[in-house]
Amino acid sequence: MSYTENYKGIKVDIQAVDITIKESVIEVIHESLDKLLRFTPEINFADIYLKHEDNHKNENKYVRFRVAIPGPDAFAEASAEHWEPAIREATQKLKRQLEKAKESA
């Protein structure tokens, strides 16, 4: 499934491999973007890649989250048993990267 939207001026592209994205997952992505916008209002677009792997691990939901900002893009990966915690973990990693970029600017 592919889902594209414009959220608060940010082009959001969500790619989900062989899964259907629930509205609750999109809401968590919106919350994540709101959190990241507090650190930089200059987000041009966000690419989110969701993949469910059939393995014997509990943490089989994988998220790759890339945010385009002036300069190098911020990128984070995370995995969890459910989508929401994986997205939140990736968001925390992105937040740290944006904070470091802001400090060095």
Protein backbone atom coordinates (compact mmCIF):
# COMPACT_ATOMS: atom_id res chain seq x y z
CA MET A 1 0.00 0.00 0.00
CA SER A 2 1.18 3.49 -0.79
CA TYR A 3 -0.21 6.60 0.86
CA THR A 4 0.74 10.19 0.07
CA GLU A 5 -0.58 13.38 1.60
CA ASN A 6 0.33 16.95 2.39
CA TYR A 7 0.39 17.41 6.17
CA LYS A 8 1.04 20.95 7.40
CA GLY A 9 3.07 21.71 4.29
CA ILE A 10 5.07 18.48 4.51
CA LYS A 11 4.79 15.97 1.70
CA VAL A 12 4.29 12.66 3.50
CA ASP A 13 4.88 9.45 1.57
CA ILE A 14 4.11 6.19 3.36
CA GLN A 15 5.08 2.88 1.79
CA ALA A 16 3.70 -0.26 3.39
CA VAL A 17 4.74 -3.62 2.00
CA ASP A 18 1.77 -5.99 1.68
CA ILE A 19 -0.14 -4.39 4.56
CA THR A 20 -3.00 -1.97 4.96
CA ILE A 21 -2.32 1.04 7.13
CA LYS A 22 -4.87 1.76 9.84
CA GLU A 23 -6.00 5.31 10.57
CA SER A 24 -4.47 5.00 14.06
CA VAL A 25 -1.02 4.45 12.51
CA ILE A 26 -1.42 7.56 10.34
CA GLU A 27 -2.43 9.51 13.45
CA VAL A 28 0.77 8.39 15.22
CA ILE A 29 2.79 9.50 12.19
CA HIS A 30 1.05 12.91 12.36
CA GLU A 31 1.87 13.16 16.07
CA SER A 32 5.49 12.30 15.27
CA LEU A 33 5.69 14.99 12.62
CA ASP A 34 4.17 17.52 15.02
CA LYS A 35 6.87 16.62 17.56
CA LEU A 36 9.63 16.96 14.95
CA LEU A 37 8.27 20.30 13.75
CA ARG A 38 9.00 21.70 17.22
CA PHE A 39 12.70 21.16 16.54
CA THR A 40 12.75 22.42 12.97
CA PRO A 41 9.98 24.06 10.97
CA GLU A 42 11.97 23.36 7.79
CA ILE A 43 10.82 19.79 7.07
CA ASN A 44 10.22 19.50 3.32
CA PHE A 45 9.04 15.91 3.16
CA ALA A 46 8.91 12.70 5.14
CA ASP A 47 9.27 9.17 3.77
CA ILE A 48 8.02 6.38 6.00
CA TYR A 49 8.53 2.74 5.09
CA LEU A 50 6.60 0.10 7.05
CA LYS A 51 7.34 -3.61 6.75
CA HIS A 52 5.99 -6.62 8.60
CA GLU A 53 8.29 -9.63 8.55
CA ASP A 54 7.02 -13.09 9.28
CA ASN A 55 9.73 -14.25 11.61
CA HIS A 56 9.70 -15.80 15.04
CA LYS A 57 10.66 -12.59 16.82
CA ASN A 58 8.16 -10.47 18.70
CA GLU A 59 9.60 -7.31 17.19
CA ASN A 60 8.54 -7.98 13.61
CA LYS A 61 7.18 -4.52 12.67
CA TYR A 62 9.94 -2.47 11.01
CA VAL A 63 9.85 1.29 10.43
CA ARG A 64 12.26 3.38 8.38
CA PHE A 65 11.64 7.10 8.72
CA ARG A 66 13.45 9.75 6.64
CA VAL A 67 12.90 13.47 7.07
CA ALA A 68 14.17 15.93 4.46
CA ILE A 69 15.54 19.11 5.99
CA PRO A 70 18.02 21.67 4.65
CA GLY A 71 21.38 19.96 4.71
CA PRO A 72 21.67 16.21 5.22
CA ASP A 73 18.41 14.31 5.70
CA ALA A 74 17.64 12.73 9.06
CA PHE A 75 17.04 8.97 8.99
CA ALA A 76 16.07 6.45 11.66
CA GLU A 77 15.00 2.83 11.87
CA ALA A 78 13.17 0.97 14.60
CA SER A 79 11.34 -2.28 15.20
CA ALA A 80 8.73 -3.34 17.74
CA GLU A 81 5.85 -5.70 18.28
CA HIS A 82 3.36 -3.02 17.14
CA TRP A 83 3.54 -0.10 14.70
CA GLU A 84 2.97 2.70 17.18
CA PRO A 85 5.96 1.97 19.47
CA ALA A 86 8.22 1.46 16.45
CA ILE A 87 7.17 4.82 14.96
CA ARG A 88 7.65 6.55 18.31
CA GLU A 89 11.13 5.04 18.75
CA ALA A 90 12.16 6.15 15.26
CA THR A 91 10.77 9.62 16.04
CA GLN A 92 12.92 9.85 19.19
CA LYS A 93 16.00 8.97 17.14
CA LEU A 94 15.09 11.63 14.57
CA LYS A 95 14.50 14.17 17.33
CA ARG A 96 18.02 13.61 18.66
CA GLN A 97 19.46 14.07 15.17
CA LEU A 98 17.52 17.30 14.66
CA GLU A 99 18.66 18.60 18.04
CA LYS A 100 22.31 17.90 17.14
CA ALA A 101 21.88 19.56 13.74
CA LYS A 102 20.36 22.62 15.41
CA GLU A 103 23.23 22.82 17.94
CA SER A 104 25.90 22.63 15.24
CA ALA A 105 24.21 25.26 13.05
